């Protein structure tokens, strides 16, 4: 019986941790897009992984158009338009 109660407690704590991690992720995603300045997330090769709404507004591009591009690619794009 004690093992069952302990296991139940562990499961309940794990569910609470998972729920709060999901909530933190949603909060961070909301803040990421709420900032009006451009924010870029890049990989080690300086290719864009993600951008926020500020970056999309600045360049007039949708999020998926940034993925795989580098800052140099954006610079060339701006120079030709």
PDB file of N, CA and C in Angstrom:
ATOM      1  N   UNK A   1       0.809  -1.203   0.000  1.00  0.00           N
ATOM      2  CA  UNK A   1       0.000   0.000   0.000  1.00  0.00           C
ATOM      3  C   UNK A   1       0.852   1.267   0.000  1.00  0.00           C
ATOM      4  N   UNK A   2       1.894   1.262   0.801  1.00  0.00           N
ATOM      5  CA  UNK A   2       2.748   2.448   0.877  1.00  0.00           C
ATOM      6  C   UNK A   2       3.422   2.705  -0.464  1.00  0.00           C
ATOM      7  N   UNK A   3       3.820   1.633  -1.144  1.00  0.00           N
ATOM      8  CA  UNK A   3       4.456   1.785  -2.453  1.00  0.00           C
ATOM      9  C   UNK A   3       3.463   2.384  -3.452  1.00  0.00           C
ATOM     10  N   UNK A   4       2.229   1.946  -3.406  1.00  0.00           N
ATOM     11  CA  UNK A   4       1.195   2.471  -4.292  1.00  0.00           C
ATOM     12  C   UNK A   4       0.951   3.947  -4.056  1.00  0.00           C
ATOM     13  N   UNK A   5       0.903   4.359  -2.781  1.00  0.00           N
ATOM     14  CA  UNK A   5       0.708   5.784  -2.468  1.00  0.00           C
ATOM     15  C   UNK A   5       1.898   6.611  -2.929  1.00  0.00           C
ATOM     16  N   UNK A   6       3.110   6.084  -2.706  1.00  0.00           N
ATOM     17  CA  UNK A   6       4.306   6.806  -3.124  1.00  0.00           C
ATOM     18  C   UNK A   6       4.361   6.939  -4.644  1.00  0.00           C
ATOM     19  N   UNK A   7       4.037   5.864  -5.341  1.00  0.00           N
ATOM     20  CA  UNK A   7       4.015   5.914  -6.803  1.00  0.00           C
ATOM     21  C   UNK A   7       2.961   6.898  -7.283  1.00  0.00           C
ATOM     22  N   UNK A   8       1.804   6.890  -6.647  1.00  0.00           N
ATOM     23  CA  UNK A   8       0.748   7.842  -7.003  1.00  0.00           C
ATOM     24  C   UNK A   8       1.199   9.277  -6.804  1.00  0.00           C
ATOM     25  N   UNK A   9       1.916   9.517  -5.708  1.00  0.00           N
ATOM     26  CA  UNK A   9       2.440  10.858  -5.446  1.00  0.00           C
ATOM     27  C   UNK A   9       3.461  11.278  -6.484  1.00  0.00           C
ATOM     28  N   UNK A  10       4.337  10.344  -6.870  1.00  0.00           N
ATOM     29  CA  UNK A  10       5.329  10.639  -7.905  1.00  0.00           C
ATOM     30  C   UNK A  10       4.668  10.958  -9.239  1.00  0.00           C
ATOM     31  N   UNK A  11       3.652  10.197  -9.587  1.00  0.00           N
ATOM     32  CA  UNK A  11       2.932  10.434 -10.848  1.00  0.00           C
ATOM     33  C   UNK A  11       2.254  11.795 -10.813  1.00  0.00           C
ATOM     34  N   UNK A  12       1.621  12.134  -9.709  1.00  0.00           N
ATOM     35  CA  UNK A  12       0.941  13.432  -9.588  1.00  0.00           C
ATOM     36  C   UNK A  12       1.940  14.580  -9.706  1.00  0.00           C
ATOM     37  N   UNK A  13       3.110  14.437  -9.049  1.00  0.00           N
ATOM     38  CA  UNK A  13       4.135  15.496  -9.136  1.00  0.00           C
ATOM     39  C   UNK A  13       4.648  15.632 -10.564  1.00  0.00           C
ATOM     40  N   UNK A  14       4.851  14.497 -11.227  1.00  0.00           N
ATOM     41  CA  UNK A  14       5.355  14.526 -12.613  1.00  0.00           C
ATOM     42  C   UNK A  14       4.353  15.207 -13.536  1.00  0.00           C
ATOM     43  N   UNK A  15       3.073  14.915 -13.344  1.00  0.00           N
ATOM     44  CA  UNK A  15       2.040  15.577 -14.158  1.00  0.00           C
ATOM     45  C   UNK A  15       2.038  17.081 -13.908  1.00  0.00           C
ATOM     46  N   UNK A  16       2.193  17.492 -12.661  1.00  0.00           N
ATOM     47  CA  UNK A  16       2.223  18.926 -12.336  1.00  0.00           C
ATOM     48  C   UNK A  16       3.439  19.588 -12.975  1.00  0.00           C
ATOM     49  N   UNK A  17       4.609  18.905 -12.925  1.00  0.00           N
ATOM     50  CA  UNK A  17       5.810  19.464 -13.538  1.00  0.00           C
ATOM     51  C   UNK A  17       5.645  19.594 -15.042  1.00  0.00           C
ATOM     52  N   UNK A  18       5.063  18.598 -15.675  1.00  0.00           N
ATOM     53  CA  UNK A  18       4.850  18.626 -17.116  1.00  0.00           C
ATOM     54  C   UNK A  18       3.902  19.752 -17.493  1.00  0.00           C
ATOM     55  N   UNK A  19       2.837  19.902 -16.721  1.00  0.00           N
ATOM     56  CA  UNK A  19       1.879  20.983 -16.984  1.00  0.00           C
ATOM     57  C   UNK A  19       2.524  22.342 -16.830  1.00  0.00           C
ATOM     58  N   UNK A  20       3.323  22.535 -15.781  1.00  0.00           N
ATOM     59  CA  UNK A  20       3.946  23.838 -15.577  1.00  0.00           C
ATOM     60  C   UNK A  20       5.017  24.100 -16.637  1.00  0.00           C
ATOM     61  N   UNK A  21       5.714  23.064 -17.110  1.00  0.00           N
ATOM     62  CA  UNK A  21       6.691  23.251 -18.182  1.00  0.00           C
ATOM     63  C   UNK A  21       5.985  23.690 -19.461  1.00  0.00           C
ATOM     64  N   UNK A  22       4.848  23.092 -19.742  1.00  0.00           N
ATOM     65  CA  UNK A  22       4.062  23.476 -20.927  1.00  0.00           C
ATOM     66  C   UNK A  22       3.607  24.922 -20.791  1.00  0.00           C
ATOM     67  N   UNK A  23       3.149  25.299 -19.605  1.00  0.00           N
ATOM     68  CA  UNK A  23       2.700  26.675 -19.388  1.00  0.00           C
ATOM     69  C   UNK A  23       3.852  27.658 -19.545  1.00  0.00           C
ATOM     70  N   UNK A  24       5.048  27.298 -19.044  1.00  0.00           N
ATOM     71  CA  UNK A  24       6.219  28.176 -19.208  1.00  0.00           C
ATOM     72  C   UNK A  24       6.563  28.333 -20.690  1.00  0.00           C
ATOM     73  N   UNK A  25       6.491  27.232 -21.427  1.00  0.00           N
ATOM     74  CA  UNK A  25       6.769  27.289 -22.858  1.00  0.00           C
ATOM     75  C   UNK A  25       5.794  28.201 -23.582  1.00  0.00           C
ATOM     76  N   UNK A  26       4.514  28.108 -23.223  1.00  0.00           N
ATOM     77  CA  UNK A  26       3.504  28.971 -23.843  1.00  0.00           C
ATOM     78  C   UNK A  26       3.738  30.435 -23.473  1.00  0.00           C
ATOM     79  N   UNK A  27       4.134  30.677 -22.229  1.00  0.00           N
ATOM     80  CA  UNK A  27       4.421  32.048 -21.785  1.00  0.00           C
ATOM     81  C   UNK A  27       5.609  32.623 -22.550  1.00  0.00           C
ATOM     82  N   UNK A  28       6.665  31.835 -22.693  1.00  0.00           N
ATOM     83  CA  UNK A  28       7.858  32.291 -23.408  1.00  0.00           C
ATOM     84  C   UNK A  28       7.522  32.562 -24.873  1.00  0.00           C
ATOM     85  N   UNK A  29       6.748  31.682 -25.498  1.00  0.00           N
ATOM     86  CA  UNK A  29       6.358  31.886 -26.897  1.00  0.00           C
ATOM     87  C   UNK A  29       5.538  33.163 -27.037  1.00  0.00           C
ATOM     88  N   UNK A  30       4.655  33.424 -26.095  1.00  0.00           N
ATOM     89  CA  UNK A  30       3.860  34.648 -26.128  1.00  0.00           C
ATOM     90  C   UNK A  30       4.717  35.891 -25.991  1.00  0.00           C
ATOM     91  N   UNK A  31       5.680  35.851 -25.089  1.00  0.00           N
ATOM     92  CA  UNK A  31       6.580  36.988 -24.908  1.00  0.00           C
ATOM     93  C   UNK A  31       7.460  37.198 -26.137  1.00  0.00           C
ATOM     94  N   UNK A  32       7.921  36.119 -26.732  1.00  0.00           N
ATOM     95  CA  UNK A  32       8.762  36.159 -27.930  1.00  0.00           C
ATOM     96  C   UNK A  32       8.066  36.951 -29.030  1.00  0.00           C
ATOM     97  N   UNK A  33       6.787  36.700 -29.250  1.00  0.00           N
ATOM     98  CA  UNK A  33       6.059  37.391 -30.312  1.00  0.00           C
ATOM     99  C   UNK A  33       5.496  38.737 -29.871  1.00  0.00           C
ATOM    100  N   UNK A  34       5.423  38.989 -28.568  1.00  0.00           N
ATOM    101  CA  UNK A  34       4.871  40.256 -28.086  1.00  0.00           C
ATOM    102  C   UNK A  34       5.878  41.407 -28.188  1.00  0.00           C
ATOM    103  N   UNK A  35       7.151  41.093 -28.227  1.00  0.00           N
ATOM    104  CA  UNK A  35       8.191  42.120 -28.313  1.00  0.00           C
ATOM    105  C   UNK A  35       8.176  42.713 -29.718  1.00  0.00           C
ATOM    106  N   UNK A  36       8.146  44.033 -29.819  1.00  0.00           N
ATOM    107  CA  UNK A  36       8.046  44.657 -31.140  1.00  0.00           C
ATOM    108  C   UNK A  36       9.384  44.679 -31.885  1.00  0.00           C
ATOM    109  N   UNK A  37      10.504  44.599 -31.156  1.00  0.00           N
ATOM    110  CA  UNK A  37      11.810  44.549 -31.805  1.00  0.00           C
ATOM    111  C   UNK A  37      12.015  43.165 -32.421  1.00  0.00           C
ATOM    112  N   UNK A  38      12.844  43.107 -33.445  1.00  0.00           N
ATOM    113  CA  UNK A  38      13.129  41.841 -34.119  1.00  0.00           C
ATOM    114  C   UNK A  38      14.009  40.960 -33.232  1.00  0.00           C
ATOM    115  N   UNK A  39      13.597  39.714 -33.069  1.00  0.00           N
ATOM    116  CA  UNK A  39      14.378  38.714 -32.336  1.00  0.00           C
ATOM    117  C   UNK A  39      14.597  37.539 -33.276  1.00  0.00           C
ATOM    118  N   UNK A  40      15.839  37.091 -33.361  1.00  0.00           N
ATOM    119  CA  UNK A  40      16.204  35.976 -34.227  1.00  0.00           C
ATOM    120  C   UNK A  40      16.809  34.865 -33.382  1.00  0.00           C
ATOM    121  N   UNK A  41      16.469  33.626 -33.696  1.00  0.00           N
ATOM    122  CA  UNK A  41      17.108  32.461 -33.089  1.00  0.00           C
ATOM    123  C   UNK A  41      17.865  31.779 -34.216  1.00  0.00           C
ATOM    124  N   UNK A  42      19.174  31.606 -34.011  1.00  0.00           N
ATOM    125  CA  UNK A  42      20.025  31.046 -35.060  1.00  0.00           C
ATOM    126  C   UNK A  42      20.733  29.788 -34.570  1.00  0.00           C
ATOM    127  N   UNK A  43      21.091  28.922 -35.527  1.00  0.00           N
ATOM    128  CA  UNK A  43      21.883  27.746 -35.196  1.00  0.00           C
ATOM    129  C   UNK A  43      23.371  28.133 -35.208  1.00  0.00           C
ATOM    130  N   UNK A  44      24.241  27.178 -35.001  1.00  0.00           N
ATOM    131  CA  UNK A  44      25.685  27.465 -34.956  1.00  0.00           C
ATOM    132  C   UNK A  44      26.226  27.961 -36.294  1.00  0.00           C
ATOM    133  N   UNK A  45      25.554  27.627 -37.373  1.00  0.00           N
ATOM    134  CA  UNK A  45      25.965  28.100 -38.694  1.00  0.00           C
ATOM    135  C   UNK A  45      25.384  29.457 -39.042  1.00  0.00           C
ATOM    136  N   UNK A  46      24.751  30.113 -38.062  1.00  0.00           N
ATOM    137  CA  UNK A  46      24.127  31.432 -38.202  1.00  0.00           C
ATOM    138  C   UNK A  46      22.933  31.423 -39.148  1.00  0.00           C
ATOM    139  N   UNK A  47      22.315  30.266 -39.326  1.00  0.00           N
ATOM    140  CA  UNK A  47      21.084  30.153 -40.107  1.00  0.00           C
ATOM    141  C   UNK A  47      19.918  30.322 -39.156  1.00  0.00           C
ATOM    142  N   UNK A  48      18.878  31.003 -39.626  1.00  0.00           N
ATOM    143  CA  UNK A  48      17.720  31.255 -38.773  1.00  0.00           C
ATOM    144  C   UNK A  48      16.940  29.971 -38.503  1.00  0.00           C
ATOM    145  N   UNK A  49      16.626  29.768 -37.239  1.00  0.00           N
ATOM    146  CA  UNK A  49      15.768  28.673 -36.806  1.00  0.00           C
ATOM    147  C   UNK A  49      14.361  29.210 -36.593  1.00  0.00           C
ATOM    148  N   UNK A  50      14.291  30.410 -36.004  1.00  0.00           N
ATOM    149  CA  UNK A  50      12.998  31.033 -35.719  1.00  0.00           C
ATOM    150  C   UNK A  50      13.183  32.533 -35.616  1.00  0.00           C
ATOM    151  N   UNK A  51      12.102  33.259 -35.832  1.00  0.00           N
ATOM    152  CA  UNK A  51      12.074  34.715 -35.674  1.00  0.00           C
ATOM    153  C   UNK A  51      10.742  35.079 -35.036  1.00  0.00           C
ATOM    154  N   UNK A  52      10.686  36.266 -34.468  1.00  0.00           N
ATOM    155  CA  UNK A  52       9.426  36.705 -33.865  1.00  0.00           C
ATOM    156  C   UNK A  52       8.641  37.600 -34.836  1.00  0.00           C
ATOM    157  N   UNK A  53       7.483  38.044 -34.394  1.00  0.00           N
ATOM    158  CA  UNK A  53       6.630  38.899 -35.230  1.00  0.00           C
ATOM    159  C   UNK A  53       7.322  40.205 -35.605  1.00  0.00           C
ATOM    160  N   UNK A  54       8.170  40.723 -34.693  1.00  0.00           N
ATOM    161  CA  UNK A  54       8.903  41.956 -34.980  1.00  0.00           C
ATOM    162  C   UNK A  54       9.799  41.803 -36.200  1.00  0.00           C
ATOM    163  N   UNK A  55      10.480  40.675 -36.315  1.00  0.00           N
ATOM    164  CA  UNK A  55      11.343  40.422 -37.477  1.00  0.00           C
ATOM    165  C   UNK A  55      10.507  40.250 -38.739  1.00  0.00           C
ATOM    166  N   UNK A  56       9.382  39.558 -38.619  1.00  0.00           N
ATOM    167  CA  UNK A  56       8.518  39.364 -39.792  1.00  0.00           C
ATOM    168  C   UNK A  56       7.994  40.705 -40.291  1.00  0.00           C
ATOM    169  N   UNK A  57       7.637  41.587 -39.368  1.00  0.00           N
ATOM    170  CA  UNK A  57       7.141  42.908 -39.741  1.00  0.00           C
ATOM    171  C   UNK A  57       8.247  43.737 -40.384  1.00  0.00           C
ATOM    172  N   UNK A  58       9.433  43.681 -39.810  1.00  0.00           N
ATOM    173  CA  UNK A  58      10.560  44.468 -40.313  1.00  0.00           C
ATOM    174  C   UNK A  58      10.898  44.109 -41.763  1.00  0.00           C
ATOM    175  N   UNK A  59      10.891  42.826 -42.070  1.00  0.00           N
ATOM    176  CA  UNK A  59      11.291  42.387 -43.404  1.00  0.00           C
ATOM    177  C   UNK A  59      10.118  42.087 -44.334  1.00  0.00           C
ATOM    178  N   UNK A  60       8.918  42.081 -43.798  1.00  0.00           N
ATOM    179  CA  UNK A  60       7.754  41.781 -44.626  1.00  0.00           C
ATOM    180  C   UNK A  60       7.725  40.344 -45.118  1.00  0.00           C
ATOM    181  N   UNK A  61       8.284  39.446 -44.320  1.00  0.00           N
ATOM    182  CA  UNK A  61       8.332  38.031 -44.677  1.00  0.00           C
ATOM    183  C   UNK A  61       7.598  37.192 -43.636  1.00  0.00           C
ATOM    184  N   UNK A  62       7.092  36.061 -44.066  1.00  0.00           N
ATOM    185  CA  UNK A  62       6.493  35.121 -43.118  1.00  0.00           C
ATOM    186  C   UNK A  62       7.600  34.315 -42.454  1.00  0.00           C
ATOM    187  N   UNK A  63       7.290  33.786 -41.302  1.00  0.00           N
ATOM    188  CA  UNK A  63       8.264  33.046 -40.487  1.00  0.00           C
ATOM    189  C   UNK A  63       8.980  31.956 -41.282  1.00  0.00           C
ATOM    190  N   UNK A  64       8.251  31.196 -42.064  1.00  0.00           N
ATOM    191  CA  UNK A  64       8.865  30.075 -42.787  1.00  0.00           C
ATOM    192  C   UNK A  64       9.868  30.535 -43.851  1.00  0.00           C
ATOM    193  N   UNK A  65       9.772  31.783 -44.302  1.00  0.00           N
ATOM    194  CA  UNK A  65      10.728  32.293 -45.283  1.00  0.00           C
ATOM    195  C   UNK A  65      12.108  32.550 -44.685  1.00  0.00           C
ATOM    196  N   UNK A  66      12.177  32.751 -43.379  1.00  0.00           N
ATOM    197  CA  UNK A  66      13.455  32.988 -42.706  1.00  0.00           C
ATOM    198  C   UNK A  66      14.249  31.703 -42.512  1.00  0.00           C
ATOM    199  N   UNK A  67      13.553  30.600 -42.288  1.00  0.00           N
ATOM    200  CA  UNK A  67      14.222  29.346 -41.914  1.00  0.00           C
ATOM    201  C   UNK A  67      15.255  28.940 -42.954  1.00  0.00           C
ATOM    202  N   UNK A  68      16.467  28.727 -42.469  1.00  0.00           N
ATOM    203  CA  UNK A  68      17.559  28.311 -43.344  1.00  0.00           C
ATOM    204  C   UNK A  68      18.348  29.462 -43.944  1.00  0.00           C
ATOM    205  N   UNK A  69      17.832  30.688 -43.825  1.00  0.00           N
ATOM    206  CA  UNK A  69      18.565  31.854 -44.336  1.00  0.00           C
ATOM    207  C   UNK A  69      19.570  32.338 -43.295  1.00  0.00           C
ATOM    208  N   UNK A  70      20.547  33.097 -43.753  1.00  0.00           N
ATOM    209  CA  UNK A  70      21.509  33.731 -42.852  1.00  0.00           C
ATOM    210  C   UNK A  70      21.258  35.238 -42.876  1.00  0.00           C
ATOM    211  N   UNK A  71      21.836  35.984 -41.927  1.00  0.00           N
ATOM    212  CA  UNK A  71      21.720  37.443 -41.976  1.00  0.00           C
ATOM    213  C   UNK A  71      22.245  38.011 -43.297  1.00  0.00           C
ATOM    214  N   UNK A  72      23.281  37.397 -43.838  1.00  0.00           N
ATOM    215  CA  UNK A  72      23.827  37.852 -45.118  1.00  0.00           C
ATOM    216  C   UNK A  72      22.791  37.686 -46.236  1.00  0.00           C
ATOM    217  N   UNK A  73      22.037  36.597 -46.213  1.00  0.00           N
ATOM    218  CA  UNK A  73      20.972  36.398 -47.200  1.00  0.00           C
ATOM    219  C   UNK A  73      19.951  37.531 -47.121  1.00  0.00           C
ATOM    220  N   UNK A  74      19.606  37.942 -45.907  1.00  0.00           N
ATOM    221  CA  UNK A  74      18.641  39.036 -45.740  1.00  0.00           C
ATOM    222  C   UNK A  74      19.234  40.353 -46.223  1.00  0.00           C
ATOM    223  N   UNK A  75      20.516  40.549 -45.962  1.00  0.00           N
ATOM    224  CA  UNK A  75      21.180  41.770 -46.401  1.00  0.00           C
ATOM    225  C   UNK A  75      21.156  41.848 -47.934  1.00  0.00           C
ATOM    226  N   UNK A  76      21.447  40.752 -48.598  1.00  0.00           N
ATOM    227  CA  UNK A  76      21.412  40.731 -50.070  1.00  0.00           C
ATOM    228  C   UNK A  76      20.000  40.970 -50.585  1.00  0.00           C
ATOM    229  N   UNK A  77      19.021  40.408 -49.899  1.00  0.00           N
ATOM    230  CA  UNK A  77      17.629  40.582 -50.306  1.00  0.00           C
ATOM    231  C   UNK A  77      17.230  42.043 -50.210  1.00  0.00           C
ATOM    232  N   UNK A  78      17.632  42.724 -49.107  1.00  0.00           N
ATOM    233  CA  UNK A  78      17.291  44.140 -48.913  1.00  0.00           C
ATOM    234  C   UNK A  78      17.965  45.024 -49.950  1.00  0.00           C
ATOM    235  N   UNK A  79      19.184  44.661 -50.337  1.00  0.00           N
ATOM    236  CA  UNK A  79      19.929  45.472 -51.299  1.00  0.00           C
ATOM    237  C   UNK A  79      19.341  45.383 -52.702  1.00  0.00           C
ATOM    238  N   UNK A  80      18.657  44.270 -52.999  1.00  0.00           N
ATOM    239  CA  UNK A  80      18.114  44.095 -54.349  1.00  0.00           C
ATOM    240  C   UNK A  80      16.662  44.563 -54.478  1.00  0.00           C
ATOM    241  N   UNK A  81      16.031  44.912 -53.362  1.00  0.00           N
ATOM    242  CA  UNK A  81      14.627  45.372 -53.448  1.00  0.00           C
ATOM    243  C   UNK A  81      14.535  46.863 -53.339  1.00  0.00           C
TER     244      UNK A  81
END
